[in-house]
Amino acid sequence: MVIVFLGPPGAGKGTQAKRLATDLGVRHVSTGDVLRSAVERGTELGRTAAAYLDKGALVPDETMLALIAELLDRRDHDRGLVLDGFPRTAPQAEGLDRLLRERGRELDAVILLDIAEEEAVRRLTSRVCCSKCGGITNLLADPSAADGVCDACGGRLERRSDDTPDVIRARFKEYRALTQPTLDYYRARGMLRRVDAGRPIDDVAGDIAEAVAGSGPGRAAG
């Protein structure tokens, strides 16, 4: 089973993708995880990716696809993958289809978590990260018991420097420009399933489960 999660910043892709992967008993893989792992292992692909990351540039499609190919070939991923934030571009989507075909596999579902820009700004400007354990807390949805203190480890909670309204809106603009052709690609194939991500977490998870159960070509939602 291979499932793709797409959506703008603040839509909750990571939270929902991890939850679905756990429910299905498959691996959750985010784009960031893929890149960090390759860089830390010092592989040739990792060094190539690092050269772009160090400059703040996007990693080329061909490099990302080569990294995904490595993932698909790992034995511990045989049961399936939930891909969080990949593919970002139409060439990556086409490349993923090719990689799956070459391995006798297919894409089972494409979930679009959709959220209004202002709601995403509200969510992300309320997000804080623990300086000690790295855990993320949302001050609106799940505030910590003690102000400014992580419930898990007692570390100091800090707001990320890029979680400002202007930066978030810029990321939204970049997302639209990069991802719209990807959405069009999957919509044309009848695979795109839209889920309203601006609601409580459990409600969104329920809709995702229904979307996955009813996914496949010709069953797209608007």
N, C-alpha and C. Protein backbone atom coordinates (compact mmCIF):
# COMPACT_ATOMS: atom_id res chain seq x y z
N MET A 1 0.84 -1.19 0.00
CA MET A 1 0.00 0.00 0.00
C MET A 1 0.88 1.24 0.00
N VAL A 2 0.59 2.18 -0.89
CA VAL A 2 1.31 3.45 -0.95
C VAL A 2 0.27 4.56 -0.99
N ILE A 3 0.36 5.48 -0.04
CA ILE A 3 -0.59 6.59 0.07
C ILE A 3 0.18 7.89 0.12
N VAL A 4 -0.30 8.88 -0.62
CA VAL A 4 0.33 10.20 -0.67
C VAL A 4 -0.53 11.21 0.08
N PHE A 5 0.11 12.02 0.91
CA PHE A 5 -0.57 13.14 1.58
C PHE A 5 -0.04 14.45 1.00
N LEU A 6 -0.96 15.29 0.55
CA LEU A 6 -0.61 16.61 0.05
C LEU A 6 -1.40 17.66 0.84
N GLY A 7 -0.89 18.88 0.85
CA GLY A 7 -1.60 19.95 1.53
C GLY A 7 -0.68 21.09 1.87
N PRO A 8 -1.22 22.27 2.11
CA PRO A 8 -0.41 23.44 2.41
C PRO A 8 0.12 23.44 3.83
N PRO A 9 0.99 24.38 4.16
CA PRO A 9 1.47 24.49 5.54
C PRO A 9 0.29 24.68 6.49
N GLY A 10 0.35 24.02 7.64
CA GLY A 10 -0.70 24.19 8.63
C GLY A 10 -1.88 23.27 8.47
N ALA A 11 -1.88 22.43 7.44
CA ALA A 11 -3.02 21.54 7.21
C ALA A 11 -2.99 20.31 8.10
N GLY A 12 -1.87 20.04 8.76
CA GLY A 12 -1.78 18.89 9.65
C GLY A 12 -1.36 17.61 8.97
N LYS A 13 -0.61 17.73 7.86
CA LYS A 13 -0.19 16.53 7.12
C LYS A 13 0.58 15.56 8.00
N GLY A 14 1.56 16.08 8.74
CA GLY A 14 2.38 15.20 9.56
C GLY A 14 1.57 14.45 10.59
N THR A 15 0.72 15.17 11.30
CA THR A 15 -0.11 14.56 12.34
C THR A 15 -1.00 13.47 11.76
N GLN A 16 -1.69 13.78 10.67
CA GLN A 16 -2.64 12.83 10.10
C GLN A 16 -1.94 11.68 9.37
N ALA A 17 -0.83 11.97 8.72
CA ALA A 17 -0.10 10.90 8.01
C ALA A 17 0.45 9.89 9.00
N LYS A 18 1.01 10.36 10.11
CA LYS A 18 1.52 9.45 11.14
C LYS A 18 0.39 8.61 11.73
N ARG A 19 -0.73 9.23 11.97
CA ARG A 19 -1.88 8.52 12.55
C ARG A 19 -2.37 7.43 11.61
N LEU A 20 -2.51 7.76 10.33
CA LEU A 20 -2.97 6.77 9.36
C LEU A 20 -1.97 5.62 9.23
N ALA A 21 -0.68 5.96 9.17
CA ALA A 21 0.35 4.92 9.05
C ALA A 21 0.29 3.95 10.22
N THR A 22 0.09 4.48 11.42
CA THR A 22 -0.03 3.62 12.60
C THR A 22 -1.26 2.72 12.50
N ASP A 23 -2.37 3.31 12.08
CA ASP A 23 -3.61 2.54 11.96
C ASP A 23 -3.48 1.41 10.93
N LEU A 24 -2.74 1.67 9.85
CA LEU A 24 -2.60 0.70 8.77
C LEU A 24 -1.43 -0.26 8.99
N GLY A 25 -0.57 0.05 9.95
CA GLY A 25 0.60 -0.79 10.18
C GLY A 25 1.66 -0.66 9.10
N VAL A 26 1.79 0.57 8.53
CA VAL A 26 2.79 0.81 7.50
C VAL A 26 3.71 1.94 7.96
N ARG A 27 4.72 2.26 7.14
CA ARG A 27 5.70 3.27 7.51
C ARG A 27 5.24 4.67 7.09
N HIS A 28 5.44 5.63 8.00
CA HIS A 28 5.24 7.04 7.66
C HIS A 28 6.58 7.63 7.26
N VAL A 29 6.62 8.29 6.11
CA VAL A 29 7.87 8.89 5.63
C VAL A 29 7.59 10.32 5.18
N SER A 30 8.25 11.28 5.80
CA SER A 30 8.12 12.67 5.37
C SER A 30 9.31 13.04 4.49
N THR A 31 9.10 14.05 3.65
CA THR A 31 10.19 14.52 2.79
C THR A 31 11.40 14.91 3.62
N GLY A 32 11.15 15.60 4.75
CA GLY A 32 12.25 16.01 5.61
C GLY A 32 13.02 14.83 6.16
N ASP A 33 12.29 13.76 6.55
CA ASP A 33 12.95 12.56 7.06
C ASP A 33 13.86 11.95 6.01
N VAL A 34 13.37 11.88 4.77
CA VAL A 34 14.14 11.30 3.67
C VAL A 34 15.45 12.06 3.47
N LEU A 35 15.34 13.38 3.44
CA LEU A 35 16.52 14.20 3.19
C LEU A 35 17.51 14.14 4.36
N ARG A 36 16.99 14.25 5.57
CA ARG A 36 17.88 14.22 6.74
C ARG A 36 18.62 12.90 6.84
N SER A 37 17.91 11.80 6.59
CA SER A 37 18.54 10.49 6.67
C SER A 37 19.66 10.35 5.66
N ALA A 38 19.40 10.79 4.42
CA ALA A 38 20.41 10.68 3.37
C ALA A 38 21.64 11.52 3.69
N VAL A 39 21.40 12.73 4.20
CA VAL A 39 22.52 13.62 4.54
C VAL A 39 23.33 13.04 5.70
N GLU A 40 22.64 12.54 6.74
CA GLU A 40 23.33 11.99 7.92
C GLU A 40 24.14 10.76 7.57
N ARG A 41 23.64 9.94 6.61
CA ARG A 41 24.35 8.73 6.23
C ARG A 41 25.53 9.03 5.31
N GLY A 42 25.57 10.23 4.76
CA GLY A 42 26.68 10.63 3.93
C GLY A 42 26.75 9.91 2.60
N THR A 43 25.61 9.45 2.10
CA THR A 43 25.59 8.76 0.81
C THR A 43 25.82 9.77 -0.31
N GLU A 44 26.06 9.24 -1.50
CA GLU A 44 26.26 10.13 -2.66
C GLU A 44 25.03 11.00 -2.87
N LEU A 45 23.84 10.38 -2.77
CA LEU A 45 22.61 11.16 -2.92
C LEU A 45 22.47 12.17 -1.78
N GLY A 46 22.88 11.77 -0.58
CA GLY A 46 22.82 12.67 0.55
C GLY A 46 23.71 13.88 0.36
N ARG A 47 24.91 13.66 -0.18
CA ARG A 47 25.82 14.79 -0.43
C ARG A 47 25.27 15.71 -1.51
N THR A 48 24.63 15.10 -2.51
CA THR A 48 24.01 15.91 -3.58
C THR A 48 22.90 16.77 -3.00
N ALA A 49 22.04 16.14 -2.17
CA ALA A 49 20.93 16.88 -1.56
C ALA A 49 21.45 17.98 -0.64
N ALA A 50 22.50 17.68 0.13
CA ALA A 50 23.04 18.65 1.09
C ALA A 50 23.53 19.91 0.39
N ALA A 51 24.08 19.75 -0.80
CA ALA A 51 24.59 20.91 -1.54
C ALA A 51 23.47 21.91 -1.83
N TYR A 52 22.27 21.41 -2.07
CA TYR A 52 21.12 22.29 -2.33
C TYR A 52 20.54 22.81 -1.02
N LEU A 53 20.43 21.94 -0.03
CA LEU A 53 19.85 22.35 1.25
C LEU A 53 20.69 23.43 1.92
N ASP A 54 22.00 23.33 1.80
CA ASP A 54 22.88 24.32 2.42
C ASP A 54 22.69 25.70 1.82
N LYS A 55 22.23 25.75 0.58
CA LYS A 55 21.98 27.03 -0.09
C LYS A 55 20.54 27.48 0.04
N GLY A 56 19.72 26.67 0.74
CA GLY A 56 18.32 27.01 0.89
C GLY A 56 17.51 26.78 -0.37
N ALA A 57 18.06 25.97 -1.29
CA ALA A 57 17.39 25.71 -2.57
C ALA A 57 16.61 24.39 -2.50
N LEU A 58 15.65 24.25 -3.41
CA LEU A 58 14.89 23.00 -3.49
C LEU A 58 15.76 21.90 -4.09
N VAL A 59 15.65 20.71 -3.54
CA VAL A 59 16.38 19.56 -4.08
C VAL A 59 15.73 19.17 -5.41
N PRO A 60 16.52 18.96 -6.48
CA PRO A 60 15.96 18.64 -7.80
C PRO A 60 15.09 17.38 -7.79
N ASP A 61 14.14 17.35 -8.71
CA ASP A 61 13.22 16.22 -8.81
C ASP A 61 13.95 14.89 -8.94
N GLU A 62 14.98 14.85 -9.78
CA GLU A 62 15.66 13.58 -10.03
C GLU A 62 16.34 13.04 -8.77
N THR A 63 16.85 13.95 -7.93
CA THR A 63 17.48 13.52 -6.68
C THR A 63 16.44 12.99 -5.70
N MET A 64 15.31 13.71 -5.59
CA MET A 64 14.24 13.25 -4.71
C MET A 64 13.71 11.89 -5.15
N LEU A 65 13.56 11.70 -6.45
CA LEU A 65 13.04 10.42 -6.96
C LEU A 65 14.03 9.28 -6.69
N ALA A 66 15.31 9.57 -6.79
CA ALA A 66 16.31 8.54 -6.49
C ALA A 66 16.26 8.14 -5.02
N LEU A 67 16.02 9.12 -4.14
CA LEU A 67 15.88 8.82 -2.72
C LEU A 67 14.62 8.00 -2.44
N ILE A 68 13.53 8.32 -3.12
CA ILE A 68 12.28 7.57 -2.95
C ILE A 68 12.46 6.14 -3.47
N ALA A 69 13.20 5.98 -4.56
CA ALA A 69 13.47 4.65 -5.10
C ALA A 69 14.18 3.79 -4.05
N GLU A 70 15.14 4.38 -3.34
CA GLU A 70 15.83 3.65 -2.28
C GLU A 70 14.85 3.20 -1.20
N LEU A 71 13.92 4.07 -0.85
CA LEU A 71 12.93 3.72 0.16
C LEU A 71 12.06 2.56 -0.28
N LEU A 72 11.60 2.61 -1.53
CA LEU A 72 10.71 1.57 -2.04
C LEU A 72 11.40 0.21 -2.06
N ASP A 73 12.72 0.22 -2.15
CA ASP A 73 13.47 -1.04 -2.24
C ASP A 73 13.86 -1.61 -0.87
N ARG A 74 13.55 -0.89 0.19
CA ARG A 74 13.89 -1.38 1.53
C ARG A 74 12.88 -2.44 1.97
N ARG A 75 13.39 -3.51 2.56
CA ARG A 75 12.53 -4.62 2.99
C ARG A 75 11.52 -4.20 4.05
N ASP A 76 11.94 -3.29 4.94
CA ASP A 76 11.04 -2.91 6.01
C ASP A 76 9.93 -1.98 5.54
N HIS A 77 9.92 -1.67 4.25
CA HIS A 77 8.86 -0.86 3.67
C HIS A 77 7.95 -1.68 2.76
N ASP A 78 8.12 -3.01 2.79
CA ASP A 78 7.33 -3.87 1.91
C ASP A 78 5.83 -3.76 2.15
N ARG A 79 5.44 -3.57 3.43
CA ARG A 79 4.00 -3.52 3.74
C ARG A 79 3.35 -2.25 3.23
N GLY A 80 4.14 -1.21 3.07
CA GLY A 80 3.57 0.02 2.52
C GLY A 80 4.19 1.27 3.11
N LEU A 81 3.83 2.40 2.51
CA LEU A 81 4.34 3.70 2.91
C LEU A 81 3.22 4.73 2.88
N VAL A 82 3.27 5.65 3.83
CA VAL A 82 2.47 6.87 3.75
C VAL A 82 3.46 8.00 3.51
N LEU A 83 3.42 8.58 2.32
CA LEU A 83 4.36 9.63 1.92
C LEU A 83 3.78 10.99 2.28
N ASP A 84 4.47 11.70 3.13
CA ASP A 84 4.01 12.97 3.67
C ASP A 84 4.77 14.12 3.01
N GLY A 85 4.09 14.84 2.10
CA GLY A 85 4.73 15.98 1.44
C GLY A 85 5.47 15.64 0.16
N PHE A 86 5.35 14.42 -0.30
CA PHE A 86 5.94 14.00 -1.58
C PHE A 86 4.88 13.22 -2.33
N PRO A 87 4.74 13.49 -3.63
CA PRO A 87 5.50 14.40 -4.49
C PRO A 87 5.02 15.85 -4.38
N ARG A 88 5.94 16.79 -4.58
CA ARG A 88 5.59 18.21 -4.54
C ARG A 88 5.32 18.76 -5.93
N THR A 89 5.91 18.16 -6.95
CA THR A 89 5.78 18.68 -8.31
C THR A 89 5.18 17.60 -9.22
N ALA A 90 4.65 18.06 -10.36
CA ALA A 90 4.08 17.10 -11.32
C ALA A 90 5.13 16.11 -11.83
N PRO A 91 6.36 16.54 -12.16
CA PRO A 91 7.38 15.56 -12.56
C PRO A 91 7.67 14.53 -11.48
N GLN A 92 7.62 14.94 -10.20
CA GLN A 92 7.81 13.98 -9.12
C GLN A 92 6.65 12.99 -9.08
N ALA A 93 5.43 13.47 -9.32
CA ALA A 93 4.26 12.58 -9.33
C ALA A 93 4.37 11.57 -10.46
N GLU A 94 4.76 12.04 -11.63
CA GLU A 94 4.93 11.13 -12.76
C GLU A 94 6.06 10.13 -12.48
N GLY A 95 7.14 10.63 -11.86
CA GLY A 95 8.26 9.76 -11.55
C GLY A 95 7.89 8.71 -10.51
N LEU A 96 7.09 9.08 -9.53
CA LEU A 96 6.65 8.12 -8.52
C LEU A 96 5.82 7.01 -9.17
N ASP A 97 4.93 7.37 -10.07
CA ASP A 97 4.15 6.35 -10.79
C ASP A 97 5.07 5.39 -11.53
N ARG A 98 6.11 5.93 -12.16
CA ARG A 98 7.04 5.08 -12.91
C ARG A 98 7.79 4.13 -11.97
N LEU A 99 8.27 4.66 -10.84
CA LEU A 99 8.99 3.83 -9.87
C LEU A 99 8.11 2.70 -9.35
N LEU A 100 6.84 3.01 -9.08
CA LEU A 100 5.93 1.98 -8.58
C LEU A 100 5.66 0.92 -9.64
N ARG A 101 5.45 1.36 -10.88
CA ARG A 101 5.20 0.40 -11.97
C ARG A 101 6.38 -0.54 -12.13
N GLU A 102 7.59 0.00 -12.07
CA GLU A 102 8.80 -0.81 -12.24
C GLU A 102 8.92 -1.88 -11.15
N ARG A 103 8.27 -1.65 -10.03
CA ARG A 103 8.35 -2.59 -8.91
C ARG A 103 7.06 -3.40 -8.73
N GLY A 104 6.18 -3.30 -9.71
CA GLY A 104 4.94 -4.05 -9.65
C GLY A 104 3.98 -3.56 -8.58
N ARG A 105 4.10 -2.30 -8.22
CA ARG A 105 3.25 -1.72 -7.18
C ARG A 105 2.42 -0.59 -7.79
N GLU A 106 1.49 -0.07 -7.02
CA GLU A 106 0.68 1.04 -7.50
C GLU A 106 0.33 1.96 -6.35
N LEU A 107 -0.08 3.17 -6.72
CA LEU A 107 -0.50 4.16 -5.74
C LEU A 107 -1.95 3.86 -5.35
N ASP A 108 -2.20 3.79 -4.04
CA ASP A 108 -3.53 3.42 -3.56
C ASP A 108 -4.43 4.62 -3.29
N ALA A 109 -3.85 5.73 -2.86
CA ALA A 109 -4.68 6.89 -2.53
C ALA A 109 -3.85 8.15 -2.52
N VAL A 110 -4.49 9.27 -2.90
CA VAL A 110 -3.87 10.60 -2.80
C VAL A 110 -4.83 11.46 -1.99
N ILE A 111 -4.39 11.86 -0.81
CA ILE A 111 -5.22 12.64 0.11
C ILE A 111 -4.76 14.09 0.09
N LEU A 112 -5.68 15.00 -0.23
CA LEU A 112 -5.40 16.42 -0.16
C LEU A 112 -6.05 16.98 1.10
N LEU A 113 -5.23 17.41 2.04
CA LEU A 113 -5.74 18.09 3.23
C LEU A 113 -5.82 19.58 2.91
N ASP A 114 -7.02 20.08 2.81
CA ASP A 114 -7.25 21.45 2.37
C ASP A 114 -7.61 22.33 3.55
N ILE A 115 -7.05 23.53 3.58
CA ILE A 115 -7.31 24.45 4.68
C ILE A 115 -7.19 25.88 4.16
N ALA A 116 -8.02 26.77 4.70
CA ALA A 116 -7.96 28.18 4.31
C ALA A 116 -6.67 28.81 4.81
N GLU A 117 -6.15 29.75 4.05
CA GLU A 117 -4.87 30.37 4.41
C GLU A 117 -4.92 31.02 5.79
N GLU A 118 -5.97 31.74 6.10
CA GLU A 118 -6.03 32.42 7.39
C GLU A 118 -6.09 31.45 8.56
N GLU A 119 -6.76 30.31 8.38
CA GLU A 119 -6.78 29.29 9.43
C GLU A 119 -5.39 28.69 9.62
N ALA A 120 -4.68 28.49 8.51
CA ALA A 120 -3.31 27.97 8.61
C ALA A 120 -2.41 28.96 9.35
N VAL A 121 -2.56 30.25 9.07
CA VAL A 121 -1.78 31.27 9.76
C VAL A 121 -2.09 31.24 11.26
N ARG A 122 -3.36 31.12 11.59
CA ARG A 122 -3.77 31.08 13.00
C ARG A 122 -3.14 29.88 13.71
N ARG A 123 -3.18 28.73 13.05
CA ARG A 123 -2.61 27.51 13.64
C ARG A 123 -1.11 27.63 13.85
N LEU A 124 -0.41 28.03 12.79
CA LEU A 124 1.05 27.99 12.84
C LEU A 124 1.64 29.07 13.73
N THR A 125 0.97 30.20 13.86
CA THR A 125 1.48 31.23 14.77
C THR A 125 1.20 30.87 16.22
N SER A 126 0.43 29.80 16.45
CA SER A 126 0.16 29.32 17.81
C SER A 126 1.00 28.09 18.13
N ARG A 127 1.89 27.72 17.23
CA ARG A 127 2.70 26.52 17.41
C ARG A 127 4.01 26.84 18.13
N VAL A 128 4.36 26.01 19.11
CA VAL A 128 5.62 26.16 19.82
C VAL A 128 6.34 24.82 19.85
N CYS A 129 7.66 24.87 19.97
CA CYS A 129 8.49 23.66 19.93
C CYS A 129 9.34 23.60 21.20
N CYS A 130 9.48 22.40 21.76
CA CYS A 130 10.29 22.22 22.96
C CYS A 130 11.77 22.30 22.60
N SER A 131 12.51 23.15 23.32
CA SER A 131 13.94 23.31 23.05
C SER A 131 14.74 22.09 23.50
N LYS A 132 14.13 21.21 24.30
CA LYS A 132 14.84 20.05 24.83
C LYS A 132 14.55 18.78 24.05
N CYS A 133 13.25 18.41 23.89
CA CYS A 133 12.91 17.14 23.24
C CYS A 133 12.40 17.31 21.80
N GLY A 134 12.15 18.55 21.38
CA GLY A 134 11.70 18.79 20.02
C GLY A 134 10.22 18.60 19.80
N GLY A 135 9.47 18.26 20.86
CA GLY A 135 8.03 18.06 20.73
C GLY A 135 7.32 19.35 20.35
N ILE A 136 6.24 19.21 19.59
CA ILE A 136 5.49 20.37 19.12
C ILE A 136 4.16 20.45 19.85
N THR A 137 3.82 21.65 20.30
CA THR A 137 2.57 21.91 21.01
C THR A 137 1.86 23.08 20.34
N ASN A 138 0.54 22.98 20.22
CA ASN A 138 -0.23 24.10 19.71
C ASN A 138 -0.96 24.77 20.87
N LEU A 139 -0.69 26.03 21.09
CA LEU A 139 -1.23 26.73 22.24
C LEU A 139 -2.74 26.89 22.17
N LEU A 140 -3.31 26.79 20.99
CA LEU A 140 -4.76 26.89 20.85
C LEU A 140 -5.43 25.53 21.01
N ALA A 141 -4.92 24.52 20.29
CA ALA A 141 -5.57 23.21 20.27
C ALA A 141 -5.22 22.36 21.49
N ASP A 142 -3.99 22.48 21.99
CA ASP A 142 -3.55 21.58 23.07
C ASP A 142 -2.50 22.29 23.93
N PRO A 143 -2.89 23.31 24.68
CA PRO A 143 -1.92 24.07 25.47
C PRO A 143 -1.27 23.23 26.56
N SER A 144 -0.05 23.58 26.90
CA SER A 144 0.67 22.86 27.96
C SER A 144 0.07 23.20 29.32
N ALA A 145 0.26 22.31 30.28
CA ALA A 145 -0.30 22.51 31.62
C ALA A 145 0.30 23.73 32.29
N ALA A 146 1.61 23.92 32.11
CA ALA A 146 2.29 25.08 32.67
C ALA A 146 2.75 25.97 31.53
N ASP A 147 2.48 27.25 31.64
CA ASP A 147 2.78 28.19 30.58
C ASP A 147 4.27 28.15 30.22
N GLY A 148 4.54 27.89 28.91
CA GLY A 148 5.91 27.92 28.41
C GLY A 148 6.75 26.71 28.73
N VAL A 149 6.11 25.65 29.29
CA VAL A 149 6.86 24.46 29.71
C VAL A 149 6.30 23.22 29.01
N CYS A 150 7.19 22.40 28.45
CA CYS A 150 6.78 21.18 27.76
C CYS A 150 6.21 20.16 28.74
N ASP A 151 5.02 19.63 28.45
CA ASP A 151 4.41 18.62 29.31
C ASP A 151 5.22 17.33 29.33
N ALA A 152 5.89 17.01 28.22
CA ALA A 152 6.59 15.72 28.11
C ALA A 152 7.89 15.67 28.90
N CYS A 153 8.66 16.76 28.84
CA CYS A 153 10.00 16.70 29.45
C CYS A 153 10.36 17.89 30.33
N GLY A 154 9.50 18.90 30.38
CA GLY A 154 9.79 20.06 31.21
C GLY A 154 10.69 21.09 30.55
N GLY A 155 10.99 20.88 29.27
CA GLY A 155 11.83 21.83 28.54
C GLY A 155 11.10 23.13 28.24
N ARG A 156 11.85 24.11 27.76
CA ARG A 156 11.28 25.41 27.45
C ARG A 156 10.60 25.39 26.08
N LEU A 157 9.39 25.90 25.99
CA LEU A 157 8.67 25.97 24.72
C LEU A 157 9.00 27.28 24.01
N GLU A 158 9.35 27.17 22.73
CA GLU A 158 9.74 28.35 21.95
C GLU A 158 9.00 28.37 20.62
N ARG A 159 8.72 29.55 20.14
CA ARG A 159 8.09 29.69 18.84
C ARG A 159 9.17 29.66 17.76
N ARG A 160 8.92 28.92 16.68
CA ARG A 160 9.89 28.85 15.58
C ARG A 160 10.02 30.20 14.90
N SER A 161 11.23 30.53 14.47
CA SER A 161 11.47 31.85 13.88
C SER A 161 10.72 32.05 12.57
N ASP A 162 10.38 30.92 11.88
CA ASP A 162 9.70 31.06 10.60
C ASP A 162 8.18 30.97 10.73
N ASP A 163 7.67 30.87 11.96
CA ASP A 163 6.22 30.81 12.15
C ASP A 163 5.66 32.21 12.39
N THR A 164 5.86 33.07 11.40
CA THR A 164 5.30 34.42 11.42
C THR A 164 4.30 34.53 10.28
N PRO A 165 3.30 35.41 10.40
CA PRO A 165 2.29 35.53 9.34
C PRO A 165 2.87 35.75 7.96
N ASP A 166 3.87 36.63 7.84
CA ASP A 166 4.43 36.92 6.51
C ASP A 166 5.12 35.70 5.91
N VAL A 167 5.89 34.99 6.73
CA VAL A 167 6.59 33.81 6.24
C VAL A 167 5.60 32.71 5.86
N ILE A 168 4.58 32.52 6.68
CA ILE A 168 3.58 31.49 6.41
C ILE A 168 2.84 31.79 5.11
N ARG A 169 2.47 33.05 4.89
CA ARG A 169 1.78 33.40 3.64
C ARG A 169 2.69 33.20 2.43
N ALA A 170 3.98 33.48 2.60
CA ALA A 170 4.92 33.24 1.51
C ALA A 170 5.02 31.75 1.20
N ARG A 171 5.01 30.92 2.24
CA ARG A 171 5.05 29.47 2.04
C ARG A 171 3.77 28.98 1.36
N PHE A 172 2.65 29.60 1.69
CA PHE A 172 1.38 29.26 1.05
C PHE A 172 1.45 29.58 -0.45
N LYS A 173 2.02 30.72 -0.78
CA LYS A 173 2.14 31.13 -2.18
C LYS A 173 3.03 30.15 -2.95
N GLU A 174 4.15 29.75 -2.32
CA GLU A 174 5.05 28.79 -2.94
C GLU A 174 4.35 27.45 -3.13
N TYR A 175 3.60 27.04 -2.12
CA TYR A 175 2.86 25.77 -2.21
C TYR A 175 1.92 25.78 -3.41
N ARG A 176 1.16 26.85 -3.57
CA ARG A 176 0.21 26.91 -4.69
C ARG A 176 0.93 26.80 -6.02
N ALA A 177 2.03 27.53 -6.16
CA ALA A 177 2.75 27.54 -7.44
C ALA A 177 3.34 26.18 -7.76
N LEU A 178 3.90 25.51 -6.74
CA LEU A 178 4.56 24.23 -6.97
C LEU A 178 3.57 23.07 -7.09
N THR A 179 2.54 23.10 -6.26
CA THR A 179 1.73 21.91 -6.08
C THR A 179 0.49 21.86 -6.96
N GLN A 180 0.01 23.00 -7.44
CA GLN A 180 -1.22 22.97 -8.25
C GLN A 180 -1.11 22.02 -9.45
N PRO A 181 0.00 22.03 -10.21
CA PRO A 181 0.11 21.05 -11.30
C PRO A 181 0.07 19.61 -10.81
N THR A 182 0.58 19.36 -9.60
CA THR A 182 0.52 18.01 -9.02
C THR A 182 -0.92 17.62 -8.72
N LEU A 183 -1.67 18.55 -8.14
CA LEU A 183 -3.09 18.30 -7.86
C LEU A 183 -3.85 18.05 -9.16
N ASP A 184 -3.54 18.83 -10.19
CA ASP A 184 -4.21 18.65 -11.49
C ASP A 184 -3.89 17.27 -12.07
N TYR A 185 -2.64 16.84 -11.88
CA TYR A 185 -2.22 15.53 -12.40
C TYR A 185 -3.04 14.41 -11.76
N TYR A 186 -3.15 14.44 -10.43
CA TYR A 186 -3.89 13.39 -9.74
C TYR A 186 -5.40 13.51 -9.96
N ARG A 187 -5.88 14.75 -10.09
CA ARG A 187 -7.31 14.94 -10.35
C ARG A 187 -7.67 14.35 -11.71
N ALA A 188 -6.81 14.56 -12.70
CA ALA A 188 -7.06 14.02 -14.04
C ALA A 188 -7.08 12.49 -14.03
N ARG A 189 -6.33 11.90 -13.12
CA ARG A 189 -6.30 10.43 -13.01
C ARG A 189 -7.45 9.90 -12.15
N GLY A 190 -8.25 10.79 -11.58
CA GLY A 190 -9.37 10.38 -10.75
C GLY A 190 -8.97 9.86 -9.39
N MET A 191 -7.81 10.31 -8.88
CA MET A 191 -7.29 9.75 -7.62
C MET A 191 -7.35 10.73 -6.46
N LEU A 192 -7.53 12.01 -6.73
CA LEU A 192 -7.42 13.02 -5.67
C LEU A 192 -8.65 13.00 -4.77
N ARG A 193 -8.40 12.87 -3.46
CA ARG A 193 -9.47 12.88 -2.47
C ARG A 193 -9.26 14.06 -1.53
N ARG A 194 -10.17 15.03 -1.60
CA ARG A 194 -10.05 16.24 -0.78
C ARG A 194 -10.71 16.03 0.58
N VAL A 195 -9.98 16.44 1.64
CA VAL A 195 -10.51 16.38 3.01
C VAL A 195 -10.37 17.77 3.62
N ASP A 196 -11.43 18.27 4.22
CA ASP A 196 -11.41 19.56 4.88
C ASP A 196 -10.61 19.45 6.17
N ALA A 197 -9.44 20.07 6.19
CA ALA A 197 -8.53 19.94 7.34
C ALA A 197 -8.74 21.02 8.39
N GLY A 198 -9.72 21.88 8.19
CA GLY A 198 -9.94 22.97 9.13
C GLY A 198 -10.85 22.59 10.28
N ARG A 199 -10.98 21.31 10.59
CA ARG A 199 -11.88 20.82 11.63
C ARG A 199 -11.11 20.06 12.70
N PRO A 200 -11.77 19.59 13.76
CA PRO A 200 -11.06 18.84 14.81
C PRO A 200 -10.31 17.65 14.25
N ILE A 201 -9.19 17.30 14.91
CA ILE A 201 -8.29 16.25 14.43
C ILE A 201 -9.01 14.92 14.20
N ASP A 202 -9.86 14.51 15.15
CA ASP A 202 -10.54 13.22 15.03
C ASP A 202 -11.50 13.20 13.85
N ASP A 203 -12.17 14.32 13.60
CA ASP A 203 -13.09 14.40 12.46
C ASP A 203 -12.33 14.27 11.14
N VAL A 204 -11.20 14.95 11.07
CA VAL A 204 -10.37 14.88 9.86
C VAL A 204 -9.87 13.45 9.65
N ALA A 205 -9.42 12.81 10.73
CA ALA A 205 -8.91 11.43 10.64
C ALA A 205 -10.00 10.49 10.15
N GLY A 206 -11.23 10.68 10.61
CA GLY A 206 -12.33 9.84 10.16
C GLY A 206 -12.59 9.99 8.68
N ASP A 207 -12.56 11.22 8.19
CA ASP A 207 -12.77 11.45 6.76
C ASP A 207 -11.63 10.86 5.93
N ILE A 208 -10.41 10.93 6.46
CA ILE A 208 -9.28 10.34 5.74
C ILE A 208 -9.45 8.83 5.62
N ALA A 209 -9.85 8.19 6.70
CA ALA A 209 -10.06 6.74 6.68
C ALA A 209 -11.11 6.37 5.64
N GLU A 210 -12.19 7.14 5.56
CA GLU A 210 -13.22 6.89 4.56
C GLU A 210 -12.69 7.11 3.16
N ALA A 211 -11.89 8.16 2.99
CA ALA A 211 -11.33 8.46 1.67
C ALA A 211 -10.41 7.36 1.20
N VAL A 212 -9.59 6.83 2.11
CA VAL A 212 -8.67 5.75 1.74
C VAL A 212 -9.45 4.49 1.40
N ALA A 213 -10.48 4.20 2.17
CA ALA A 213 -11.30 3.01 1.92
C ALA A 213 -12.01 3.09 0.57
N GLY A 214 -12.35 4.30 0.16
CA GLY A 214 -13.06 4.44 -1.11
C GLY A 214 -12.22 5.00 -2.23
N SER A 215 -10.88 4.90 -2.08
CA SER A 215 -9.98 5.49 -3.06
C SER A 215 -9.78 4.60 -4.26
N GLY A 216 -9.15 5.21 -5.27
CA GLY A 216 -8.86 4.49 -6.52
C GLY A 216 -9.27 5.32 -7.71
N PRO A 217 -8.80 4.99 -8.88
CA PRO A 217 -9.14 5.74 -10.08
C PRO A 217 -10.66 5.82 -10.25
N GLY A 218 -11.13 7.02 -10.63
CA GLY A 218 -12.55 7.20 -10.91
C GLY A 218 -13.36 7.50 -9.68
N ARG A 219 -12.72 7.66 -8.50
CA ARG A 219 -13.47 7.90 -7.29
C ARG A 219 -13.04 9.20 -6.62
N ALA A 220 -12.61 10.14 -7.39
CA ALA A 220 -12.07 11.38 -6.84
C ALA A 220 -13.17 12.24 -6.27
N ALA A 221 -12.80 13.00 -5.24
CA ALA A 221 -13.69 13.99 -4.67
C ALA A 221 -13.31 15.36 -5.23
N GLY A 222 -14.24 16.28 -5.18
CA GLY A 222 -13.96 17.60 -5.74
C GLY A 222 -13.10 18.45 -4.84
